[in-house]
PDB file of N, CA and C in Angstrom:
ATOM      1  N   MET A   1    -103.673 122.886 291.240  1.00  0.00           N
ATOM      2  CA  MET A   1    -104.642 122.051 290.556  1.00  0.00           C
ATOM      3  C   MET A   1    -104.425 122.153 289.045  1.00  0.00           C
ATOM      4  N   PRO A   2    -104.465 121.030 288.353  1.00  0.00           N
ATOM      5  CA  PRO A   2    -104.246 121.032 286.909  1.00  0.00           C
ATOM      6  C   PRO A   2    -105.514 121.329 286.112  1.00  0.00           C
ATOM      7  N   THR A   3    -105.318 121.679 284.871  1.00  0.00           N
ATOM      8  CA  THR A   3    -106.408 121.890 283.927  1.00  0.00           C
ATOM      9  C   THR A   3    -106.528 120.650 283.057  1.00  0.00           C
ATOM     10  N   TYR A   4    -107.744 120.134 282.922  1.00  0.00           N
ATOM     11  CA  TYR A   4    -107.995 118.933 282.133  1.00  0.00           C
ATOM     12  C   TYR A   4    -108.832 119.279 280.911  1.00  0.00           C
ATOM     13  N   VAL A   5    -108.635 118.533 279.835  1.00  0.00           N
ATOM     14  CA  VAL A   5    -109.385 118.725 278.596  1.00  0.00           C
ATOM     15  C   VAL A   5    -110.404 117.589 278.486  1.00  0.00           C
ATOM     16  N   TYR A   6    -111.645 117.944 278.156  1.00  0.00           N
ATOM     17  CA  TYR A   6    -112.733 116.971 278.010  1.00  0.00           C
ATOM     18  C   TYR A   6    -113.393 117.140 276.650  1.00  0.00           C
ATOM     19  N   ARG A   7    -114.047 116.040 276.190  1.00  0.00           N
ATOM     20  CA  ARG A   7    -114.820 116.075 274.948  1.00  0.00           C
ATOM     21  C   ARG A   7    -116.120 115.318 275.210  1.00  0.00           C
ATOM     22  N   CYS A   8    -117.234 115.920 274.813  1.00  0.00           N
ATOM     23  CA  CYS A   8    -118.529 115.269 275.017  1.00  0.00           C
ATOM     24  C   CYS A   8    -118.878 114.411 273.809  1.00  0.00           C
ATOM     25  N   ALA A   9    -119.982 113.679 273.905  1.00  0.00           N
ATOM     26  CA  ALA A   9    -120.421 112.787 272.828  1.00  0.00           C
ATOM     27  C   ALA A   9    -120.811 113.567 271.574  1.00  0.00           C
ATOM     28  N   ASN A  10    -121.169 114.837 271.709  1.00  0.00           N
ATOM     29  CA  ASN A  10    -121.556 115.673 270.560  1.00  0.00           C
ATOM     30  C   ASN A  10    -120.351 116.345 269.897  1.00  0.00           C
ATOM     31  N   GLY A  11    -119.135 116.105 270.403  1.00  0.00           N
ATOM     32  CA  GLY A  11    -117.928 116.645 269.785  1.00  0.00           C
ATOM     33  C   GLY A  11    -117.439 117.970 270.337  1.00  0.00           C
ATOM     34  N   HIS A  12    -118.112 118.497 271.364  1.00  0.00           N
ATOM     35  CA  HIS A  12    -117.655 119.751 271.971  1.00  0.00           C
ATOM     36  C   HIS A  12    -116.430 119.473 272.839  1.00  0.00           C
ATOM     37  N   THR A  13    -115.449 120.342 272.757  1.00  0.00           N
ATOM     38  CA  THR A  13    -114.247 120.226 273.582  1.00  0.00           C
ATOM     39  C   THR A  13    -114.250 121.369 274.597  1.00  0.00           C
ATOM     40  N   PHE A  14    -113.930 121.032 275.856  1.00  0.00           N
ATOM     41  CA  PHE A  14    -113.885 122.058 276.902  1.00  0.00           C
ATOM     42  C   PHE A  14    -112.816 121.705 277.921  1.00  0.00           C
ATOM     43  N   GLU A  15    -112.373 122.711 278.668  1.00  0.00           N
ATOM     44  CA  GLU A  15    -111.355 122.544 279.698  1.00  0.00           C
ATOM     45  C   GLU A  15    -111.957 122.809 281.067  1.00  0.00           C
ATOM     46  N   LEU A  16    -111.517 122.023 282.052  1.00  0.00           N
ATOM     47  CA  LEU A  16    -111.945 122.226 283.437  1.00  0.00           C
ATOM     48  C   LEU A  16    -110.730 122.218 284.343  1.00  0.00           C
ATOM     49  N   PHE A  17    -110.781 123.072 285.346  1.00  0.00           N
ATOM     50  CA  PHE A  17    -109.716 123.208 286.329  1.00  0.00           C
ATOM     51  C   PHE A  17    -110.217 122.593 287.627  1.00  0.00           C
ATOM     52  N   HIS A  18    -109.649 121.440 288.011  1.00  0.00           N
ATOM     53  CA  HIS A  18    -110.088 120.775 289.230  1.00  0.00           C
ATOM     54  C   HIS A  18    -108.967 119.932 289.802  1.00  0.00           C
ATOM     55  N   GLY A  19    -109.165 119.456 291.025  1.00  0.00           N
ATOM     56  CA  GLY A  19    -108.175 118.637 291.716  1.00  0.00           C
ATOM     57  C   GLY A  19    -107.988 117.279 291.053  1.00  0.00           C
ATOM     58  N   ILE A  20    -106.818 116.678 291.288  1.00  0.00           N
ATOM     59  CA  ILE A  20    -106.489 115.401 290.662  1.00  0.00           C
ATOM     60  C   ILE A  20    -107.357 114.266 291.196  1.00  0.00           C
ATOM     61  N   SER A  21    -107.841 114.374 292.413  1.00  0.00           N
ATOM     62  CA  SER A  21    -108.648 113.308 293.011  1.00  0.00           C
ATOM     63  C   SER A  21    -110.150 113.498 292.776  1.00  0.00           C
ATOM     64  N   ASP A  22    -110.557 114.541 292.067  1.00  0.00           N
ATOM     65  CA  ASP A  22    -111.979 114.795 291.794  1.00  0.00           C
ATOM     66  C   ASP A  22    -112.474 113.824 290.725  1.00  0.00           C
ATOM     67  N   GLU A  23    -113.357 112.887 291.123  1.00  0.00           N
ATOM     68  CA  GLU A  23    -113.872 111.862 290.211  1.00  0.00           C
ATOM     69  C   GLU A  23    -115.307 112.120 289.767  1.00  0.00           C
ATOM     70  N   SER A  24    -115.884 113.250 290.122  1.00  0.00           N
ATOM     71  CA  SER A  24    -117.273 113.525 289.756  1.00  0.00           C
ATOM     72  C   SER A  24    -117.413 113.647 288.244  1.00  0.00           C
ATOM     73  N   PRO A  25    -118.582 113.262 287.675  1.00  0.00           N
ATOM     74  CA  PRO A  25    -118.776 113.362 286.221  1.00  0.00           C
ATOM     75  C   PRO A  25    -118.733 114.825 285.771  1.00  0.00           C
ATOM     76  N   LYS A  26    -118.113 115.061 284.661  1.00  0.00           N
ATOM     77  CA  LYS A  26    -117.971 116.418 284.124  1.00  0.00           C
ATOM     78  C   LYS A  26    -118.979 116.599 282.990  1.00  0.00           C
ATOM     79  N   ARG A  27    -119.683 117.679 283.030  1.00  0.00           N
ATOM     80  CA  ARG A  27    -120.738 117.968 282.055  1.00  0.00           C
ATOM     81  C   ARG A  27    -120.294 119.051 281.079  1.00  0.00           C
ATOM     82  N   CYS A  28    -120.673 118.898 279.833  1.00  0.00           N
ATOM     83  CA  CYS A  28    -120.349 119.867 278.780  1.00  0.00           C
ATOM     84  C   CYS A  28    -121.114 121.159 279.053  1.00  0.00           C
ATOM     85  N   PRO A  29    -120.454 122.312 278.999  1.00  0.00           N
ATOM     86  CA  PRO A  29    -121.144 123.581 279.241  1.00  0.00           C
ATOM     87  C   PRO A  29    -122.101 123.968 278.103  1.00  0.00           C
ATOM     88  N   GLU A  30    -121.956 123.381 276.907  1.00  0.00           N
ATOM     89  CA  GLU A  30    -122.812 123.734 275.770  1.00  0.00           C
ATOM     90  C   GLU A  30    -124.071 122.883 275.690  1.00  0.00           C
ATOM     91  N   CYS A  31    -123.922 121.550 275.841  1.00  0.00           N
ATOM     92  CA  CYS A  31    -125.078 120.671 275.660  1.00  0.00           C
ATOM     93  C   CYS A  31    -125.476 119.906 276.918  1.00  0.00           C
ATOM     94  N   GLY A  32    -124.626 119.876 277.939  1.00  0.00           N
ATOM     95  CA  GLY A  32    -124.952 119.223 279.191  1.00  0.00           C
ATOM     96  C   GLY A  32    -124.671 117.729 279.240  1.00  0.00           C
ATOM     97  N   SER A  33    -124.186 117.136 278.141  1.00  0.00           N
ATOM     98  CA  SER A  33    -123.884 115.703 278.161  1.00  0.00           C
ATOM     99  C   SER A  33    -122.569 115.454 278.896  1.00  0.00           C
ATOM    100  N   GLU A  34    -122.361 114.200 279.309  1.00  0.00           N
ATOM    101  CA  GLU A  34    -121.159 113.865 280.067  1.00  0.00           C
ATOM    102  C   GLU A  34    -119.936 113.886 279.163  1.00  0.00           C
ATOM    103  N   GLY A  35    -118.837 114.439 279.685  1.00  0.00           N
ATOM    104  CA  GLY A  35    -117.600 114.536 278.922  1.00  0.00           C
ATOM    105  C   GLY A  35    -116.591 113.480 279.320  1.00  0.00           C
ATOM    106  N   GLN A  36    -115.788 113.060 278.375  1.00  0.00           N
ATOM    107  CA  GLN A  36    -114.704 112.108 278.607  1.00  0.00           C
ATOM    108  C   GLN A  36    -113.380 112.860 278.544  1.00  0.00           C
ATOM    109  N   ARG A  37    -112.503 112.537 279.474  1.00  0.00           N
ATOM    110  CA  ARG A  37    -111.203 113.206 279.508  1.00  0.00           C
ATOM    111  C   ARG A  37    -110.347 112.740 278.338  1.00  0.00           C
ATOM    112  N   VAL A  38    -109.678 113.701 277.671  1.00  0.00           N
ATOM    113  CA  VAL A  38    -108.795 113.399 276.547  1.00  0.00           C
ATOM    114  C   VAL A  38    -107.380 113.868 276.889  1.00  0.00           C
ATOM    115  N   PRO A  39    -106.365 113.229 276.299  1.00  0.00           N
ATOM    116  CA  PRO A  39    -104.986 113.660 276.580  1.00  0.00           C
ATOM    117  C   PRO A  39    -104.757 115.098 276.118  1.00  0.00           C
ATOM    118  N   ALA A  40    -104.058 115.864 276.952  1.00  0.00           N
ATOM    119  CA  ALA A  40    -103.748 117.258 276.628  1.00  0.00           C
ATOM    120  C   ALA A  40    -102.375 117.336 275.975  1.00  0.00           C
ATOM    121  N   GLY A  41    -102.108 118.433 275.306  1.00  0.00           N
ATOM    122  CA  GLY A  41    -100.849 118.627 274.606  1.00  0.00           C
ATOM    123  C   GLY A  41     -99.662 118.892 275.503  1.00  0.00           C
ATOM    124  N   GLY A  42     -99.873 119.262 276.736  1.00  0.00           N
ATOM    125  CA  GLY A  42     -98.757 119.550 277.626  1.00  0.00           C
ATOM    126  C   GLY A  42     -98.491 121.032 277.720  1.00  0.00           C
ATOM    127  N   ALA A  43     -97.473 121.374 278.485  1.00  0.00           N
ATOM    128  CA  ALA A  43     -97.169 122.773 278.767  1.00  0.00           C
ATOM    129  C   ALA A  43     -96.081 123.348 277.883  1.00  0.00           C
ATOM    130  N   GLY A  44     -95.481 122.552 277.014  1.00  0.00           N
ATOM    131  CA  GLY A  44     -94.481 123.080 276.103  1.00  0.00           C
ATOM    132  C   GLY A  44     -93.086 123.179 276.680  1.00  0.00           C
ATOM    133  N   PHE A  45     -92.735 122.333 277.634  1.00  0.00           N
ATOM    134  CA  PHE A  45     -91.380 122.335 278.176  1.00  0.00           C
ATOM    135  C   PHE A  45     -90.438 121.627 277.227  1.00  0.00           C
ATOM    136  N   LEU A  46     -89.206 122.058 277.217  1.00  0.00           N
ATOM    137  CA  LEU A  46     -88.189 121.446 276.373  1.00  0.00           C
ATOM    138  C   LEU A  46     -86.959 121.191 277.221  1.00  0.00           C
ATOM    139  N   PHE A  47     -86.721 119.923 277.553  1.00  0.00           N
ATOM    140  CA  PHE A  47     -85.552 119.543 278.325  1.00  0.00           C
ATOM    141  C   PHE A  47     -84.666 118.697 277.433  1.00  0.00           C
ATOM    142  N   LYS A  48     -83.493 119.192 277.110  1.00  0.00           N
ATOM    143  CA  LYS A  48     -82.564 118.431 276.293  1.00  0.00           C
ATOM    144  C   LYS A  48     -81.148 118.889 276.587  1.00  0.00           C
ATOM    145  N   GLY A  49     -80.189 118.122 276.171  1.00  0.00           N
ATOM    146  CA  GLY A  49     -78.798 118.525 276.308  1.00  0.00           C
ATOM    147  C   GLY A  49     -78.282 118.421 277.727  1.00  0.00           C
ATOM    148  N   SER A  50     -77.255 119.206 278.000  1.00  0.00           N
ATOM    149  CA  SER A  50     -76.548 119.097 279.269  1.00  0.00           C
ATOM    150  C   SER A  50     -77.184 119.921 280.382  1.00  0.00           C
ATOM    151  N   GLY A  51     -78.080 120.839 280.066  1.00  0.00           N
ATOM    152  CA  GLY A  51     -78.657 121.681 281.105  1.00  0.00           C
ATOM    153  C   GLY A  51     -80.031 122.160 280.727  1.00  0.00           C
ATOM    154  N   PHE A  52     -80.620 122.951 281.588  1.00  0.00           N
ATOM    155  CA  PHE A  52     -81.973 123.403 281.365  1.00  0.00           C
ATOM    156  C   PHE A  52     -82.080 124.926 281.362  1.00  0.00           C
ATOM    157  N   TYR A  53     -81.019 125.610 280.967  1.00  0.00           N
ATOM    158  CA  TYR A  53     -81.037 127.059 280.948  1.00  0.00           C
ATOM    159  C   TYR A  53     -81.109 127.553 279.509  1.00  0.00           C
ATOM    160  N   VAL A  54     -81.696 128.706 279.321  1.00  0.00           N
ATOM    161  CA  VAL A  54     -81.808 129.284 277.990  1.00  0.00           C
ATOM    162  C   VAL A  54     -80.433 129.503 277.379  1.00  0.00           C
ATOM    163  N   THR A  55     -79.455 129.873 278.197  1.00  0.00           N
ATOM    164  CA  THR A  55     -78.115 130.160 277.700  1.00  0.00           C
ATOM    165  C   THR A  55     -77.368 128.913 277.252  1.00  0.00           C
ATOM    166  N   ASP A  56     -77.868 127.717 277.578  1.00  0.00           N
ATOM    167  CA  ASP A  56     -77.211 126.490 277.132  1.00  0.00           C
ATOM    168  C   ASP A  56     -77.319 126.297 275.628  1.00  0.00           C
ATOM    169  N   TYR A  57     -78.263 126.953 274.999  1.00  0.00           N
ATOM    170  CA  TYR A  57     -78.521 126.728 273.582  1.00  0.00           C
ATOM    171  C   TYR A  57     -78.265 127.976 272.735  1.00  0.00           C
ATOM    172  N   ARG A  58     -77.374 128.824 273.173  1.00  0.00           N
ATOM    173  CA  ARG A  58     -77.036 130.016 272.395  1.00  0.00           C
ATOM    174  C   ARG A  58     -76.323 129.625 271.114  1.00  0.00           C
ATOM    175  N   SER A  59     -76.475 130.439 270.066  1.00  0.00           N
ATOM    176  CA  SER A  59     -75.809 130.155 268.800  1.00  0.00           C
ATOM    177  C   SER A  59     -74.310 130.430 268.916  1.00  0.00           C
ATOM    178  N   LYS A  60     -73.552 129.857 267.999  1.00  0.00           N
ATOM    179  CA  LYS A  60     -72.098 130.017 268.006  1.00  0.00           C
ATOM    180  C   LYS A  60     -71.720 131.497 267.794  1.00  0.00           C
ATOM    181  N   GLY A  61     -72.427 132.162 266.900  1.00  0.00           N
ATOM    182  CA  GLY A  61     -72.153 133.581 266.650  1.00  0.00           C
ATOM    183  C   GLY A  61     -72.393 134.446 267.871  1.00  0.00           C
ATOM    184  N   TYR A  62     -73.455 134.143 268.614  1.00  0.00           N
ATOM    185  CA  TYR A  62     -73.740 134.907 269.824  1.00  0.00           C
ATOM    186  C   TYR A  62     -72.625 134.720 270.848  1.00  0.00           C
ATOM    187  N   LYS A  63     -72.177 133.478 271.025  1.00  0.00           N
ATOM    188  CA  LYS A  63     -71.121 133.204 271.997  1.00  0.00           C
ATOM    189  C   LYS A  63     -69.825 133.907 271.620  1.00  0.00           C
ATOM    190  N   GLU A  64     -69.498 133.920 270.313  1.00  0.00           N
ATOM    191  CA  GLU A  64     -68.261 134.579 269.871  1.00  0.00           C
ATOM    192  C   GLU A  64     -68.320 136.080 270.093  1.00  0.00           C
ATOM    193  N   SER A  65     -69.467 136.709 269.763  1.00  0.00           N
ATOM    194  CA  SER A  65     -69.564 138.160 269.961  1.00  0.00           C
ATOM    195  C   SER A  65     -69.560 138.515 271.444  1.00  0.00           C
ATOM    196  N   ALA A  66     -70.141 137.667 272.283  1.00  0.00           N
ATOM    197  CA  ALA A  66     -70.113 137.925 273.722  1.00  0.00           C
ATOM    198  C   ALA A  66     -68.698 137.824 274.262  1.00  0.00           C
ATOM    199  N   LYS A  67     -67.922 136.892 273.716  1.00  0.00           N
ATOM    200  CA  LYS A  67     -66.537 136.732 274.158  1.00  0.00           C
ATOM    201  C   LYS A  67     -65.713 137.965 273.766  1.00  0.00           C
ATOM    202  N   LYS A  68     -65.980 138.515 272.559  1.00  0.00           N
ATOM    203  CA  LYS A  68     -65.256 139.717 272.118  1.00  0.00           C
ATOM    204  C   LYS A  68     -65.610 140.906 272.998  1.00  0.00           C
ATOM    205  N   GLU A  69     -66.897 141.065 273.315  1.00  0.00           N
ATOM    206  CA  GLU A  69     -67.327 142.182 274.156  1.00  0.00           C
ATOM    207  C   GLU A  69     -66.770 142.067 275.575  1.00  0.00           C
ATOM    208  N   LYS A  70     -66.628 140.856 276.036  1.00  0.00           N
ATOM    209  CA  LYS A  70     -66.132 140.619 277.385  1.00  0.00           C
ATOM    210  C   LYS A  70     -64.652 140.942 277.495  1.00  0.00           C
ATOM    211  N   GLY A  71     -63.943 140.983 276.372  1.00  0.00           N
ATOM    212  CA  GLY A  71     -62.517 141.277 276.412  1.00  0.00           C
ATOM    213  C   GLY A  71     -61.703 140.005 276.427  1.00  0.00           C
ATOM    214  N   GLY A  72     -62.093 139.038 275.639  1.00  0.00           N
ATOM    215  CA  GLY A  72     -61.392 137.772 275.591  1.00  0.00           C
ATOM    216  C   GLY A  72     -60.002 137.892 275.006  1.00  0.00           C
ATOM    217  N   GLY A  73     -59.747 138.899 274.179  1.00  0.00           N
ATOM    218  CA  GLY A  73     -58.428 139.082 273.582  1.00  0.00           C
ATOM    219  C   GLY A  73     -57.535 139.924 274.455  1.00  0.00           C
ATOM    220  N   SER A  74     -56.218 139.619 274.474  1.00  0.00           N
ATOM    221  CA  SER A  74     -55.297 140.370 275.321  1.00  0.00           C
ATOM    222  C   SER A  74     -54.923 141.711 274.700  1.00  0.00           C
ATOM    223  N   ALA A  75     -55.159 141.879 273.389  1.00  0.00           N
ATOM    224  CA  ALA A  75     -54.801 143.135 272.728  1.00  0.00           C
ATOM    225  C   ALA A  75     -55.728 144.270 273.158  1.00  0.00           C
ATOM    226  N   ASP A  76     -56.960 143.931 273.541  1.00  0.00           N
ATOM    227  CA  ASP A  76     -57.912 144.968 273.929  1.00  0.00           C
ATOM    228  C   ASP A  76     -57.674 145.486 275.339  1.00  0.00           C
ATOM    229  N   LYS A  77     -57.023 144.693 276.188  1.00  0.00           N
ATOM    230  CA  LYS A  77     -56.837 145.072 277.579  1.00  0.00           C
ATOM    231  C   LYS A  77     -55.589 145.927 277.745  1.00  0.00           C
ATOM    232  N   PRO A  78     -55.658 146.994 278.532  1.00  0.00           N
ATOM    233  CA  PRO A  78     -54.450 147.765 278.813  1.00  0.00           C
ATOM    234  C   PRO A  78     -53.558 146.985 279.771  1.00  0.00           C
ATOM    235  N   ALA A  79     -52.260 147.216 279.656  1.00  0.00           N
ATOM    236  CA  ALA A  79     -51.306 146.518 280.525  1.00  0.00           C
ATOM    237  C   ALA A  79     -51.412 147.078 281.927  1.00  0.00           C
ATOM    238  N   ALA A  80     -51.435 146.195 282.905  1.00  0.00           N
ATOM    239  CA  ALA A  80     -51.485 146.626 284.300  1.00  0.00           C
ATOM    240  C   ALA A  80     -50.081 146.964 284.757  1.00  0.00           C
ATOM    241  N   SER A  81     -49.944 148.086 285.398  1.00  0.00           N
ATOM    242  CA  SER A  81     -48.610 148.480 285.858  1.00  0.00           C
ATOM    243  C   SER A  81     -48.521 148.312 287.362  1.00  0.00           C
ATOM    244  N   GLY A  82     -47.334 147.922 287.825  1.00  0.00           N
ATOM    245  CA  GLY A  82     -47.114 147.709 289.246  1.00  0.00           C
ATOM    246  C   GLY A  82     -46.706 148.974 289.967  1.00  0.00           C
ATOM    247  N   GLY A  83     -46.398 150.009 289.261  1.00  0.00           N
ATOM    248  CA  GLY A  83     -45.948 151.252 289.908  1.00  0.00           C
ATOM    249  C   GLY A  83     -46.227 152.427 289.005  1.00  0.00           C
ATOM    250  N   SER A  84     -45.376 153.457 289.099  1.00  0.00           N
ATOM    251  CA  SER A  84     -45.568 154.630 288.256  1.00  0.00           C
ATOM    252  C   SER A  84     -45.055 154.350 286.852  1.00  0.00           C
ATOM    253  N   ALA A  85     -45.333 155.229 285.916  1.00  0.00           N
ATOM    254  CA  ALA A  85     -44.978 155.028 284.516  1.00  0.00           C
ATOM    255  C   ALA A  85     -43.470 155.114 284.296  1.00  0.00           C
ATOM    256  N   SER A  86     -42.720 155.796 285.181  1.00  0.00           N
ATOM    257  CA  SER A  86     -41.289 155.969 284.966  1.00  0.00           C
ATOM    258  C   SER A  86     -40.463 154.785 285.461  1.00  0.00           C
ATOM    259  N   THR A  87     -41.017 153.927 286.300  1.00  0.00           N
ATOM    260  CA  THR A  87     -40.258 152.790 286.800  1.00  0.00           C
ATOM    261  C   THR A  87     -40.565 151.549 285.992  1.00  0.00           C
ATOM    262  N   PRO A  88     -39.538 150.734 285.684  1.00  0.00           N
ATOM    263  CA  PRO A  88     -39.792 149.508 284.929  1.00  0.00           C
ATOM    264  C   PRO A  88     -40.495 148.479 285.797  1.00  0.00           C
ATOM    265  N   PRO A  89     -41.099 147.479 285.182  1.00  0.00           N
ATOM    266  CA  PRO A  89     -41.756 146.436 285.964  1.00  0.00           C
ATOM    267  C   PRO A  89     -40.752 145.727 286.857  1.00  0.00           C
ATOM    268  N   SER A  90     -41.229 145.169 287.946  1.00  0.00           N
ATOM    269  CA  SER A  90     -40.333 144.533 288.914  1.00  0.00           C
ATOM    270  C   SER A  90     -39.625 143.345 288.300  1.00  0.00           C
ATOM    271  N   GLY A  91     -38.340 143.172 288.667  1.00  0.00           N
ATOM    272  CA  GLY A  91     -37.559 142.046 288.206  1.00  0.00           C
ATOM    273  C   GLY A  91     -36.906 142.258 286.858  1.00  0.00           C
ATOM    274  N   GLY A  92     -36.952 143.437 286.302  1.00  0.00           N
ATOM    275  CA  GLY A  92     -36.373 143.682 284.986  1.00  0.00           C
ATOM    276  C   GLY A  92     -35.522 144.918 284.974  1.00  0.00           C
ATOM    277  N   SER A  93     -34.708 145.021 283.948  1.00  0.00           N
ATOM    278  CA  SER A  93     -33.836 146.187 283.834  1.00  0.00           C
ATOM    279  C   SER A  93     -34.422 147.230 282.896  1.00  0.00           C
ATOM    280  N   GLY A  94     -35.626 146.964 282.399  1.00  0.00           N
ATOM    281  CA  GLY A  94     -36.233 147.919 281.494  1.00  0.00           C
ATOM    282  C   GLY A  94     -36.019 147.558 280.037  1.00  0.00           C
ATOM    283  N   GLU A  95     -35.154 146.575 279.788  1.00  0.00           N
ATOM    284  CA  GLU A  95     -34.903 146.169 278.411  1.00  0.00           C
ATOM    285  C   GLU A  95     -35.798 144.981 278.068  1.00  0.00           C
ATOM    286  N   SER A  96     -36.161 144.882 276.794  1.00  0.00           N
ATOM    287  CA  SER A  96     -36.974 143.749 276.364  1.00  0.00           C
ATOM    288  C   SER A  96     -36.073 142.539 276.152  1.00  0.00           C
ATOM    289  N   PRO A  97     -36.583 141.323 276.308  1.00  0.00           N
ATOM    290  CA  PRO A  97     -35.760 140.133 276.124  1.00  0.00           C
ATOM    291  C   PRO A  97     -35.346 140.000 274.659  1.00  0.00           C
ATOM    292  N   PRO A  98     -34.214 139.330 274.404  1.00  0.00           N
ATOM    293  CA  PRO A  98     -33.769 139.193 273.016  1.00  0.00           C
ATOM    294  C   PRO A  98     -34.763 138.365 272.205  1.00  0.00           C
ATOM    295  N   ALA A  99     -34.888 138.706 270.954  1.00  0.00           N
ATOM    296  CA  ALA A  99     -35.817 138.005 270.063  1.00  0.00           C
ATOM    297  C   ALA A  99     -35.265 136.637 269.721  1.00  0.00           C
ATOM    298  N   LYS A 100     -36.162 135.660 269.578  1.00  0.00           N
ATOM    299  CA  LYS A 100     -35.742 134.317 269.198  1.00  0.00           C
ATOM    300  C   LYS A 100     -35.434 134.296 267.711  1.00  0.00           C
ATOM    301  N   PRO A 101     -34.371 133.588 267.313  1.00  0.00           N
ATOM    302  CA  PRO A 101     -34.073 133.517 265.877  1.00  0.00           C
ATOM    303  C   PRO A 101     -35.133 132.674 265.165  1.00  0.00           C
ATOM    304  N   THR A 102     -35.483 133.085 263.971  1.00  0.00           N
ATOM    305  CA  THR A 102     -36.477 132.348 263.197  1.00  0.00           C
ATOM    306  C   THR A 102     -35.769 131.335 262.314  1.00  0.00           C
ATOM    307  N   PRO A 103     -36.284 130.116 262.208  1.00  0.00           N
ATOM    308  CA  PRO A 103     -35.635 129.119 261.352  1.00  0.00           C
ATOM    309  C   PRO A 103     -35.795 129.491 259.884  1.00  0.00           C
ATOM    310  N   PRO A 104     -34.844 129.103 259.053  1.00  0.00           N
ATOM    311  CA  PRO A 104     -34.951 129.430 257.639  1.00  0.00           C
ATOM    312  C   PRO A 104     -36.106 128.665 257.010  1.00  0.00           C
ATOM    313  N   SER A 105     -36.790 129.302 256.064  1.00  0.00           N
ATOM    314  CA  SER A 105     -37.924 128.658 255.413  1.00  0.00           C
ATOM    315  C   SER A 105     -37.392 127.685 254.344  1.00  0.00           C
ATOM    316  N   PRO A 106     -38.083 126.560 254.129  1.00  0.00           N
ATOM    317  CA  PRO A 106     -37.630 125.597 253.139  1.00  0.00           C
ATOM    318  C   PRO A 106     -37.724 126.189 251.721  1.00  0.00           C
ATOM    319  N   ALA A 107     -36.753 125.825 250.915  1.00  0.00           N
ATOM    320  CA  ALA A 107     -36.729 126.344 249.538  1.00  0.00           C
ATOM    321  C   ALA A 107     -37.762 125.596 248.695  1.00  0.00           C
ATOM    322  N   LYS A 108     -38.448 126.357 247.861  1.00  0.00           N
ATOM    323  CA  LYS A 108     -39.446 125.743 246.975  1.00  0.00           C
ATOM    324  C   LYS A 108     -38.770 125.346 245.660  1.00  0.00           C
ATOM    325  N   GLU A 109     -39.088 124.196 245.169  1.00  0.00           N
ATOM    326  CA  GLU A 109     -38.485 123.722 243.918  1.00  0.00           C
ATOM    327  C   GLU A 109     -39.417 123.856 242.767  1.00  0.00           C
TER     328      GLU A 109
END
């Protein structure tokens, strides 16, 4: 059952909790005169954007720090090994691949 807001002829404002189909006259608790229903402000819901979750509207800084804590960078994670420390990874001879040559930088005039 919803809560309704009423105002009497003397300016008193009061709230009543009753069913939606209840059409009986509502009386002011202060002066006893009949009250007229007035529009209420609502419940304060905010629906916008792509979703309705609190996390949909996180700040950019919060998202970046959460990504760092989660381990988004590969430098923070230890390398997973397929065997013991003395054996090289599978498919390799233990040597690192040759480095790619770097192109010469343009001369400044």
